[in-house]
PDB file of N, CA and C in Angstrom:
ATOM      1  N   MET A   1       0.573  -1.021  -0.280  1.00  0.00           N
ATOM      2  CA  MET A   1      -0.010  -0.041  -0.099  1.00  0.00           C
ATOM      3  C   MET A   1       0.798   1.149   0.071  1.00  0.00           C
ATOM      4  N   ALA A   2       0.866   2.164  -0.850  1.00  0.00           N
ATOM      5  CA  ALA A   2       1.415   3.541  -0.885  1.00  0.00           C
ATOM      6  C   ALA A   2       1.335   3.992   0.394  1.00  0.00           C
ATOM      7  N   ALA A   3       2.001   5.079   0.538  1.00  0.00           N
ATOM      8  CA  ALA A   3       1.510   5.921   1.945  1.00  0.00           C
ATOM      9  C   ALA A   3       1.548   7.178   1.239  1.00  0.00           C
ATOM     10  N   ASP A   4       0.480   7.865   2.422  1.00  0.00           N
ATOM     11  CA  ASP A   4      -0.325   9.105   2.406  1.00  0.00           C
ATOM     12  C   ASP A   4       0.723   9.884   1.891  1.00  0.00           C
ATOM     13  N   GLN A   5       0.541  10.926   1.330  1.00  0.00           N
ATOM     14  CA  GLN A   5       1.201  11.853   0.744  1.00  0.00           C
ATOM     15  C   GLN A   5       0.598  13.205   0.076  1.00  0.00           C
ATOM     16  N   ILE A   6       1.327  14.383   0.276  1.00  0.00           N
ATOM     17  CA  ILE A   6       0.493  15.565  -0.007  1.00  0.00           C
ATOM     18  C   ILE A   6       1.464  16.408  -0.743  1.00  0.00           C
ATOM     19  N   GLY A   7       1.312  17.259  -1.465  1.00  0.00           N
ATOM     20  CA  GLY A   7       1.982  18.123  -1.955  1.00  0.00           C
ATOM     21  C   GLY A   7       1.706  19.423  -2.740  1.00  0.00           C
ATOM     22  N   PRO A   8       2.361  20.555  -3.015  1.00  0.00           N
ATOM     23  CA  PRO A   8       1.905  21.419  -3.643  1.00  0.00           C
ATOM     24  C   PRO A   8       1.781  21.313  -5.030  1.00  0.00           C
ATOM     25  N   ASN A   9       0.924  21.877  -5.745  1.00  0.00           N
ATOM     26  CA  ASN A   9       0.468  21.530  -7.094  1.00  0.00           C
ATOM     27  C   ASN A   9       1.734  22.735  -7.937  1.00  0.00           C
ATOM     28  N   LYS A  10       1.956  22.202  -9.335  1.00  0.00           N
ATOM     29  CA  LYS A  10       2.829  23.110 -10.164  1.00  0.00           C
ATOM     30  C   LYS A  10       2.450  24.382 -10.032  1.00  0.00           C
ATOM     31  N   GLY A  11       3.350  25.193 -10.180  1.00  0.00           N
ATOM     32  CA  GLY A  11       2.809  26.917 -10.153  1.00  0.00           C
ATOM     33  C   GLY A  11       2.807  27.182  -8.412  1.00  0.00           C
ATOM     34  N   ALA A  12       3.597  26.352  -7.719  1.00  0.00           N
ATOM     35  CA  ALA A  12       3.263  26.907  -6.478  1.00  0.00           C
ATOM     36  C   ALA A  12       3.776  28.512  -5.975  1.00  0.00           C
ATOM     37  N   ASN A  13       4.603  29.027  -6.678  1.00  0.00           N
ATOM     38  CA  ASN A  13       5.097  30.484  -6.418  1.00  0.00           C
ATOM     39  C   ASN A  13       3.682  31.246  -7.009  1.00  0.00           C
ATOM     40  N   VAL A  14       3.627  32.009  -5.962  1.00  0.00           N
ATOM     41  CA  VAL A  14       2.127  32.898  -6.485  1.00  0.00           C
ATOM     42  C   VAL A  14       2.316  34.298  -6.515  1.00  0.00           C
ATOM     43  N   ILE A  15       2.325  35.202  -7.553  1.00  0.00           N
ATOM     44  CA  ILE A  15       2.363  36.817  -7.154  1.00  0.00           C
ATOM     45  C   ILE A  15       0.980  37.138  -7.620  1.00  0.00           C
ATOM     46  N   SER A  16       0.906  38.198  -6.463  1.00  0.00           N
ATOM     47  CA  SER A  16      -0.826  38.773  -6.894  1.00  0.00           C
ATOM     48  C   SER A  16      -0.646  40.461  -6.917  1.00  0.00           C
ATOM     49  N   THR A  17      -1.506  41.050  -6.978  1.00  0.00           N
ATOM     50  CA  THR A  17      -1.897  42.356  -6.433  1.00  0.00           C
ATOM     51  C   THR A  17      -2.837  42.677  -5.100  1.00  0.00           C
ATOM     52  N   GLU A  18      -2.503  43.793  -4.607  1.00  0.00           N
ATOM     53  CA  GLU A  18      -3.173  43.468  -3.598  1.00  0.00           C
ATOM     54  C   GLU A  18      -4.584  44.065  -3.798  1.00  0.00           C
ATOM     55  N   GLY A  19      -5.309  43.471  -2.906  1.00  0.00           N
ATOM     56  CA  GLY A  19      -7.077  43.479  -3.154  1.00  0.00           C
ATOM     57  C   GLY A  19      -7.703  42.079  -3.947  1.00  0.00           C
ATOM     58  N   GLU A  20      -6.926  41.445  -4.618  1.00  0.00           N
ATOM     59  CA  GLU A  20      -7.328  40.605  -5.651  1.00  0.00           C
ATOM     60  C   GLU A  20      -7.084  39.339  -4.308  1.00  0.00           C
ATOM     61  N   SER A  21      -7.932  38.272  -5.268  1.00  0.00           N
ATOM     62  CA  SER A  21      -7.795  36.837  -4.536  1.00  0.00           C
ATOM     63  C   SER A  21      -6.845  36.405  -5.001  1.00  0.00           C
ATOM     64  N   VAL A  22      -6.412  34.957  -4.238  1.00  0.00           N
ATOM     65  CA  VAL A  22      -5.445  34.249  -4.761  1.00  0.00           C
ATOM     66  C   VAL A  22      -5.817  32.961  -4.076  1.00  0.00           C
ATOM     67  N   THR A  23      -5.521  31.694  -4.756  1.00  0.00           N
ATOM     68  CA  THR A  23      -5.934  30.316  -4.694  1.00  0.00           C
ATOM     69  C   THR A  23      -4.630  29.596  -4.640  1.00  0.00           C
ATOM     70  N   LEU A  24      -4.129  28.800  -3.343  1.00  0.00           N
ATOM     71  CA  LEU A  24      -3.339  27.917  -3.414  1.00  0.00           C
ATOM     72  C   LEU A  24      -4.149  26.387  -3.800  1.00  0.00           C
ATOM     73  N   SER A  25      -3.165  25.740  -4.114  1.00  0.00           N
ATOM     74  CA  SER A  25      -3.391  24.260  -4.262  1.00  0.00           C
ATOM     75  C   SER A  25      -2.142  23.147  -3.886  1.00  0.00           C
ATOM     76  N   CYS A  26      -2.907  22.084  -3.224  1.00  0.00           N
ATOM     77  CA  CYS A  26      -2.361  21.071  -3.358  1.00  0.00           C
ATOM     78  C   CYS A  26      -2.983  19.773  -3.368  1.00  0.00           C
ATOM     79  N   SER A  27      -2.333  18.410  -3.918  1.00  0.00           N
ATOM     80  CA  SER A  27      -2.992  17.731  -4.554  1.00  0.00           C
ATOM     81  C   SER A  27      -2.589  16.517  -3.458  1.00  0.00           C
ATOM     82  N   TYR A  28      -3.289  15.375  -3.073  1.00  0.00           N
ATOM     83  CA  TYR A  28      -2.729  14.434  -1.781  1.00  0.00           C
ATOM     84  C   TYR A  28      -3.331  12.963  -2.471  1.00  0.00           C
ATOM     85  N   ASP A  29      -2.821  12.035  -1.810  1.00  0.00           N
ATOM     86  CA  ASP A  29      -2.891  10.914  -1.909  1.00  0.00           C
ATOM     87  C   ASP A  29      -3.207   9.717  -0.870  1.00  0.00           C
ATOM     88  N   THR A  30      -4.060   9.018  -0.754  1.00  0.00           N
ATOM     89  CA  THR A  30      -4.507   8.196   0.517  1.00  0.00           C
ATOM     90  C   THR A  30      -5.351   7.220   0.117  1.00  0.00           C
ATOM     91  N   SER A  31      -5.242   6.053   0.886  1.00  0.00           N
ATOM     92  CA  SER A  31      -6.247   5.215   0.413  1.00  0.00           C
ATOM     93  C   SER A  31      -7.475   5.513   1.541  1.00  0.00           C
ATOM     94  N   SER A  32      -6.902   6.162   2.380  1.00  0.00           N
ATOM     95  CA  SER A  32      -8.283   6.527   3.746  1.00  0.00           C
ATOM     96  C   SER A  32      -9.291   6.929   3.201  1.00  0.00           C
ATOM     97  N   ARG A  33     -10.408   6.680   3.855  1.00  0.00           N
ATOM     98  CA  ARG A  33     -11.951   7.484   3.379  1.00  0.00           C
ATOM     99  C   ARG A  33     -12.107   8.630   4.218  1.00  0.00           C
ATOM    100  N   TYR A  34     -11.132   8.792   5.492  1.00  0.00           N
ATOM    101  CA  TYR A  34     -11.256   9.759   6.538  1.00  0.00           C
ATOM    102  C   TYR A  34     -10.231  10.746   6.414  1.00  0.00           C
ATOM    103  N   VAL A  35     -10.740  11.893   5.734  1.00  0.00           N
ATOM    104  CA  VAL A  35      -8.927  12.345   5.194  1.00  0.00           C
ATOM    105  C   VAL A  35      -9.433  14.117   6.182  1.00  0.00           C
ATOM    106  N   ALA A  36      -8.817  14.938   6.816  1.00  0.00           N
ATOM    107  CA  ALA A  36      -8.591  16.162   7.069  1.00  0.00           C
ATOM    108  C   ALA A  36      -7.376  17.022   6.606  1.00  0.00           C
ATOM    109  N   LEU A  37      -7.540  18.129   5.726  1.00  0.00           N
ATOM    110  CA  LEU A  37      -6.676  18.704   5.185  1.00  0.00           C
ATOM    111  C   LEU A  37      -6.588  19.776   5.820  1.00  0.00           C
ATOM    112  N   TYR A  38      -5.231  20.653   6.037  1.00  0.00           N
ATOM    113  CA  TYR A  38      -4.794  21.716   6.875  1.00  0.00           C
ATOM    114  C   TYR A  38      -4.004  22.681   6.178  1.00  0.00           C
ATOM    115  N   TRP A  39      -4.017  24.035   6.566  1.00  0.00           N
ATOM    116  CA  TRP A  39      -3.281  24.905   6.065  1.00  0.00           C
ATOM    117  C   TRP A  39      -2.889  25.560   6.870  1.00  0.00           C
ATOM    118  N   TYR A  40      -1.465  25.980   7.037  1.00  0.00           N
ATOM    119  CA  TYR A  40      -0.635  27.045   7.411  1.00  0.00           C
ATOM    120  C   TYR A  40       0.210  27.881   6.934  1.00  0.00           C
ATOM    121  N   ARG A  41       0.693  28.977   7.355  1.00  0.00           N
ATOM    122  CA  ARG A  41       1.202  30.225   7.107  1.00  0.00           C
ATOM    123  C   ARG A  41       2.584  30.046   7.886  1.00  0.00           C
ATOM    124  N   GLN A  42       3.876  30.902   6.934  1.00  0.00           N
ATOM    125  CA  GLN A  42       4.879  30.609   8.020  1.00  0.00           C
ATOM    126  C   GLN A  42       5.479  31.855   7.372  1.00  0.00           C
ATOM    127  N   TYR A  43       6.124  33.008   8.266  1.00  0.00           N
ATOM    128  CA  TYR A  43       6.845  33.987   8.313  1.00  0.00           C
ATOM    129  C   TYR A  43       8.208  33.774   8.152  1.00  0.00           C
ATOM    130  N   LEU A  44       8.766  34.506   7.343  1.00  0.00           N
ATOM    131  CA  LEU A  44      10.358  34.339   7.653  1.00  0.00           C
ATOM    132  C   LEU A  44      10.951  34.310   8.937  1.00  0.00           C
ATOM    133  N   ASN A  45      11.397  33.240   9.528  1.00  0.00           N
ATOM    134  CA  ASN A  45      12.106  33.338  10.856  1.00  0.00           C
ATOM    135  C   ASN A  45      11.121  33.368  11.761  1.00  0.00           C
ATOM    136  N   ARG A  46       9.789  32.890  11.475  1.00  0.00           N
ATOM    137  CA  ARG A  46       8.887  32.554  12.369  1.00  0.00           C
ATOM    138  C   ARG A  46       7.965  31.366  12.636  1.00  0.00           C
ATOM    139  N   GLU A  47       7.523  30.573  13.353  1.00  0.00           N
ATOM    140  CA  GLU A  47       6.818  29.302  13.305  1.00  0.00           C
ATOM    141  C   GLU A  47       5.540  29.350  12.765  1.00  0.00           C
ATOM    142  N   PRO A  48       5.290  28.339  12.279  1.00  0.00           N
ATOM    143  CA  PRO A  48       3.829  28.482  11.089  1.00  0.00           C
ATOM    144  C   PRO A  48       2.888  28.399  11.942  1.00  0.00           C
ATOM    145  N   GLN A  49       1.746  29.260  11.183  1.00  0.00           N
ATOM    146  CA  GLN A  49       0.617  29.451  12.119  1.00  0.00           C
ATOM    147  C   GLN A  49      -0.465  28.833  11.585  1.00  0.00           C
ATOM    148  N   TYR A  50      -1.172  28.371  12.368  1.00  0.00           N
ATOM    149  CA  TYR A  50      -2.708  27.585  11.805  1.00  0.00           C
ATOM    150  C   TYR A  50      -3.600  28.422  11.237  1.00  0.00           C
ATOM    151  N   LEU A  51      -4.014  28.663  10.034  1.00  0.00           N
ATOM    152  CA  LEU A  51      -5.281  28.935   9.285  1.00  0.00           C
ATOM    153  C   LEU A  51      -6.505  28.391   9.535  1.00  0.00           C
ATOM    154  N   MET A  52      -6.497  26.926   8.906  1.00  0.00           N
ATOM    155  CA  MET A  52      -8.103  26.500   9.167  1.00  0.00           C
ATOM    156  C   MET A  52      -7.557  25.051   8.596  1.00  0.00           C
ATOM    157  N   TRP A  53      -8.556  24.010   8.515  1.00  0.00           N
ATOM    158  CA  TRP A  53      -8.785  22.741   8.203  1.00  0.00           C
ATOM    159  C   TRP A  53     -10.065  22.247   7.574  1.00  0.00           C
ATOM    160  N   LYS A  54     -10.323  21.261   7.112  1.00  0.00           N
ATOM    161  CA  LYS A  54     -11.539  21.039   6.063  1.00  0.00           C
ATOM    162  C   LYS A  54     -11.315  19.451   6.222  1.00  0.00           C
ATOM    163  N   ASP A  55     -12.537  18.894   5.946  1.00  0.00           N
ATOM    164  CA  ASP A  55     -12.262  17.411   5.805  1.00  0.00           C
ATOM    165  C   ASP A  55     -12.926  16.958   4.461  1.00  0.00           C
ATOM    166  N   ALA A  56     -12.454  15.860   3.905  1.00  0.00           N
ATOM    167  CA  ALA A  56     -12.613  15.641   2.638  1.00  0.00           C
ATOM    168  C   ALA A  56     -13.059  14.140   2.395  1.00  0.00           C
ATOM    169  N   ARG A  57     -13.852  13.714   1.784  1.00  0.00           N
ATOM    170  CA  ARG A  57     -14.075  12.451   1.509  1.00  0.00           C
ATOM    171  C   ARG A  57     -15.481  12.168   2.416  1.00  0.00           C
ATOM    172  N   GLU A  58     -15.154  10.949   3.472  1.00  0.00           N
ATOM    173  CA  GLU A  58     -16.347  10.629   4.133  1.00  0.00           C
ATOM    174  C   GLU A  58     -16.808  11.572   5.184  1.00  0.00           C
ATOM    175  N   TRP A  59     -15.925  12.465   5.894  1.00  0.00           N
ATOM    176  CA  TRP A  59     -16.491  13.782   6.622  1.00  0.00           C
ATOM    177  C   TRP A  59     -16.937  14.871   6.002  1.00  0.00           C
ATOM    178  N   SER A  60     -17.520  15.640   6.392  1.00  0.00           N
ATOM    179  CA  SER A  60     -17.637  17.405   6.000  1.00  0.00           C
ATOM    180  C   SER A  60     -17.757  18.375   6.736  1.00  0.00           C
ATOM    181  N   ASP A  61     -17.018  18.243   8.188  1.00  0.00           N
ATOM    182  CA  ASP A  61     -16.628  19.227   8.946  1.00  0.00           C
ATOM    183  C   ASP A  61     -15.747  20.160   8.167  1.00  0.00           C
ATOM    184  N   THR A  62     -15.571  21.546   8.840  1.00  0.00           N
ATOM    185  CA  THR A  62     -14.879  22.800   8.714  1.00  0.00           C
ATOM    186  C   THR A  62     -14.181  23.429   9.936  1.00  0.00           C
ATOM    187  N   GLY A  63     -12.978  23.243   9.817  1.00  0.00           N
ATOM    188  CA  GLY A  63     -12.373  24.179  11.301  1.00  0.00           C
ATOM    189  C   GLY A  63     -12.793  25.680  10.623  1.00  0.00           C
ATOM    190  N   SER A  64     -12.948  26.526  12.065  1.00  0.00           N
ATOM    191  CA  SER A  64     -13.351  27.964  11.834  1.00  0.00           C
ATOM    192  C   SER A  64     -11.841  28.510  11.166  1.00  0.00           C
ATOM    193  N   PRO A  65     -11.692  29.143  10.193  1.00  0.00           N
ATOM    194  CA  PRO A  65     -10.921  29.557   9.594  1.00  0.00           C
ATOM    195  C   PRO A  65     -10.025  31.183  10.807  1.00  0.00           C
ATOM    196  N   ALA A  66      -8.784  31.102  10.327  1.00  0.00           N
ATOM    197  CA  ALA A  66      -7.918  31.973  11.545  1.00  0.00           C
ATOM    198  C   ALA A  66      -8.886  33.528  11.142  1.00  0.00           C
ATOM    199  N   GLU A  67      -9.130  33.461   9.833  1.00  0.00           N
ATOM    200  CA  GLU A  67      -9.682  34.826   9.650  1.00  0.00           C
ATOM    201  C   GLU A  67     -10.811  34.744   8.064  1.00  0.00           C
ATOM    202  N   PRO A  68     -11.846  35.412   8.193  1.00  0.00           N
ATOM    203  CA  PRO A  68     -12.982  35.122   7.266  1.00  0.00           C
ATOM    204  C   PRO A  68     -12.616  35.451   5.772  1.00  0.00           C
ATOM    205  N   ARG A  69     -10.965  35.459   5.600  1.00  0.00           N
ATOM    206  CA  ARG A  69     -10.559  36.078   4.419  1.00  0.00           C
ATOM    207  C   ARG A  69     -10.262  34.669   3.627  1.00  0.00           C
ATOM    208  N   PHE A  70     -10.282  33.526   4.807  1.00  0.00           N
ATOM    209  CA  PHE A  70      -9.590  32.394   4.131  1.00  0.00           C
ATOM    210  C   PHE A  70     -10.698  31.523   4.182  1.00  0.00           C
ATOM    211  N   GLN A  71     -10.472  30.582   2.870  1.00  0.00           N
ATOM    212  CA  GLN A  71     -11.553  29.656   2.444  1.00  0.00           C
ATOM    213  C   GLN A  71     -10.985  28.666   1.609  1.00  0.00           C
ATOM    214  N   SER A  72     -11.396  27.100   2.288  1.00  0.00           N
ATOM    215  CA  SER A  72     -10.978  26.412   1.682  1.00  0.00           C
ATOM    216  C   SER A  72     -11.809  25.125   1.126  1.00  0.00           C
ATOM    217  N   THR A  73     -11.105  24.752  -0.269  1.00  0.00           N
ATOM    218  CA  THR A  73     -12.436  23.692  -0.829  1.00  0.00           C
ATOM    219  C   THR A  73     -11.725  22.326  -0.575  1.00  0.00           C
ATOM    220  N   THR A  74     -12.347  21.039  -0.814  1.00  0.00           N
ATOM    221  CA  THR A  74     -11.334  19.980  -0.869  1.00  0.00           C
ATOM    222  C   THR A  74     -12.289  19.184  -1.817  1.00  0.00           C
ATOM    223  N   SER A  75     -11.339  17.902  -2.756  1.00  0.00           N
ATOM    224  CA  SER A  75     -12.201  16.860  -3.431  1.00  0.00           C
ATOM    225  C   SER A  75     -11.131  16.047  -3.295  1.00  0.00           C
ATOM    226  N   GLU A  76     -11.846  14.716  -3.698  1.00  0.00           N
ATOM    227  CA  GLU A  76     -11.089  13.318  -3.165  1.00  0.00           C
ATOM    228  C   GLU A  76      -9.550  13.386  -3.846  1.00  0.00           C
ATOM    229  N   THR A  77      -8.929  14.603  -4.482  1.00  0.00           N
ATOM    230  CA  THR A  77      -7.219  14.483  -4.833  1.00  0.00           C
ATOM    231  C   THR A  77      -6.953  15.687  -4.410  1.00  0.00           C
ATOM    232  N   SER A  78      -7.407  16.489  -3.978  1.00  0.00           N
ATOM    233  CA  SER A  78      -6.761  17.799  -3.556  1.00  0.00           C
ATOM    234  C   SER A  78      -7.479  18.965  -2.705  1.00  0.00           C
ATOM    235  N   THR A  79      -6.523  20.094  -2.666  1.00  0.00           N
ATOM    236  CA  THR A  79      -7.287  20.653  -1.613  1.00  0.00           C
ATOM    237  C   THR A  79      -6.856  22.456  -2.219  1.00  0.00           C
ATOM    238  N   GLU A  80      -7.789  23.073  -1.864  1.00  0.00           N
ATOM    239  CA  GLU A  80      -7.328  24.352  -2.252  1.00  0.00           C
ATOM    240  C   GLU A  80      -7.552  25.531  -0.960  1.00  0.00           C
ATOM    241  N   LEU A  81      -6.587  26.463  -1.250  1.00  0.00           N
ATOM    242  CA  LEU A  81      -7.068  27.608   0.182  1.00  0.00           C
ATOM    243  C   LEU A  81      -6.891  29.026  -1.006  1.00  0.00           C
ATOM    244  N   THR A  82      -8.190  29.744  -0.522  1.00  0.00           N
ATOM    245  CA  THR A  82      -8.832  30.899  -1.537  1.00  0.00           C
ATOM    246  C   THR A  82      -8.419  31.806  -0.236  1.00  0.00           C
ATOM    247  N   ILE A  83      -7.504  32.989  -0.737  1.00  0.00           N
ATOM    248  CA  ILE A  83      -7.407  34.260   0.112  1.00  0.00           C
ATOM    249  C   ILE A  83      -8.080  35.588  -0.683  1.00  0.00           C
ATOM    250  N   THR A  84      -8.893  36.348  -0.016  1.00  0.00           N
ATOM    251  CA  THR A  84      -9.501  37.254  -0.865  1.00  0.00           C
ATOM    252  C   THR A  84      -9.041  38.263   0.042  1.00  0.00           C
ATOM    253  N   GLY A  85      -8.918  39.682  -1.031  1.00  0.00           N
ATOM    254  CA  GLY A  85      -8.588  40.827  -0.511  1.00  0.00           C
ATOM    255  C   GLY A  85      -7.006  40.418  -0.172  1.00  0.00           C
ATOM    256  N   VAL A  86      -6.100  40.007  -0.519  1.00  0.00           N
ATOM    257  CA  VAL A  86      -4.715  40.086  -0.249  1.00  0.00           C
ATOM    258  C   VAL A  86      -4.069  41.161   0.069  1.00  0.00           C
ATOM    259  N   THR A  87      -3.361  41.389   0.945  1.00  0.00           N
ATOM    260  CA  THR A  87      -2.604  42.238   1.117  1.00  0.00           C
ATOM    261  C   THR A  87      -0.825  41.973   1.445  1.00  0.00           C
ATOM    262  N   LEU A  88      -0.269  42.903   1.515  1.00  0.00           N
ATOM    263  CA  LEU A  88       1.323  42.629   1.536  1.00  0.00           C
ATOM    264  C   LEU A  88       1.419  41.596   2.881  1.00  0.00           C
ATOM    265  N   SER A  89       0.934  41.831   3.583  1.00  0.00           N
ATOM    266  CA  SER A  89       1.011  40.820   5.257  1.00  0.00           C
ATOM    267  C   SER A  89       0.728  39.384   5.111  1.00  0.00           C
ATOM    268  N   ASP A  90       0.023  39.123   3.485  1.00  0.00           N
ATOM    269  CA  ASP A  90      -0.125  37.547   3.558  1.00  0.00           C
ATOM    270  C   ASP A  90       1.432  37.081   2.776  1.00  0.00           C
ATOM    271  N   SER A  91       2.291  37.951   2.566  1.00  0.00           N
ATOM    272  CA  SER A  91       3.524  37.258   1.632  1.00  0.00           C
ATOM    273  C   SER A  91       3.849  36.482   2.585  1.00  0.00           C
ATOM    274  N   ALA A  92       4.146  35.116   2.495  1.00  0.00           N
ATOM    275  CA  ALA A  92       4.395  34.167   3.404  1.00  0.00           C
ATOM    276  C   ALA A  92       4.650  32.449   2.450  1.00  0.00           C
ATOM    277  N   LEU A  93       5.384  31.888   3.457  1.00  0.00           N
ATOM    278  CA  LEU A  93       5.403  30.493   2.978  1.00  0.00           C
ATOM    279  C   LEU A  93       3.948  30.010   3.410  1.00  0.00           C
ATOM    280  N   TYR A  94       3.508  29.110   2.580  1.00  0.00           N
ATOM    281  CA  TYR A  94       2.060  28.448   3.001  1.00  0.00           C
ATOM    282  C   TYR A  94       2.198  27.092   2.816  1.00  0.00           C
ATOM    283  N   TYR A  95       2.025  26.172   3.982  1.00  0.00           N
ATOM    284  CA  TYR A  95       2.045  24.675   3.742  1.00  0.00           C
ATOM    285  C   TYR A  95       0.474  24.296   3.808  1.00  0.00           C
ATOM    286  N   CYS A  96       0.671  22.826   3.181  1.00  0.00           N
ATOM    287  CA  CYS A  96      -0.832  22.300   3.334  1.00  0.00           C
ATOM    288  C   CYS A  96      -0.281  21.027   3.884  1.00  0.00           C
ATOM    289  N   ALA A  97      -1.513  20.237   4.794  1.00  0.00           N
ATOM    290  CA  ALA A  97      -0.830  18.817   5.872  1.00  0.00           C
ATOM    291  C   ALA A  97      -2.112  18.272   5.680  1.00  0.00           C
ATOM    292  N   LEU A  98      -1.736  16.980   5.666  1.00  0.00           N
ATOM    293  CA  LEU A  98      -2.906  15.758   5.743  1.00  0.00           C
ATOM    294  C   LEU A  98      -2.827  15.008   6.918  1.00  0.00           C
ATOM    295  N   ARG A  99      -4.179  14.939   7.320  1.00  0.00           N
ATOM    296  CA  ARG A  99      -4.132  13.747   8.742  1.00  0.00           C
ATOM    297  C   ARG A  99      -5.242  12.945   7.955  1.00  0.00           C
ATOM    298  N   VAL A 100      -5.108  11.501   7.964  1.00  0.00           N
ATOM    299  CA  VAL A 100      -5.701  10.381   7.812  1.00  0.00           C
ATOM    300  C   VAL A 100      -6.451   9.562   9.228  1.00  0.00           C
ATOM    301  N   GLY A 101      -7.687   9.176   9.136  1.00  0.00           N
ATOM    302  CA  GLY A 101      -8.381   8.679  10.456  1.00  0.00           C
ATOM    303  C   GLY A 101      -8.016   7.320  10.256  1.00  0.00           C
ATOM    304  N   ALA A 102      -8.553   6.083  11.215  1.00  0.00           N
ATOM    305  CA  ALA A 102      -9.180   5.030  10.836  1.00  0.00           C
ATOM    306  C   ALA A 102      -9.467   4.484   9.621  1.00  0.00           C
ATOM    307  N   GLN A 103      -9.112   3.292   9.399  1.00  0.00           N
ATOM    308  CA  GLN A 103      -9.277   2.951   7.997  1.00  0.00           C
ATOM    309  C   GLN A 103     -10.740   2.217   8.426  1.00  0.00           C
TER     310      GLN A 103
END
């Protein structure tokens, strides 16, 4: 059985103009039916900050986002984070993470 994995989609470096919306995406692969997908933001020389989580597949819960500007969508194989009204302070490294439940 393949290991659970997640990673950014191509075009991971995103450049935007203030006030626009930006969508970041990751693809994942797991055989589990119980999948939770997380998003984090990390500023230079700082610890990662939790942004939000969203379930996929069998679950349908969503964690409260750190800010209303953050929204996440999920599918069977991917997760997206959309940031509306981006500002200069959104410039950071963003991480997607995968957590699977019991088979």
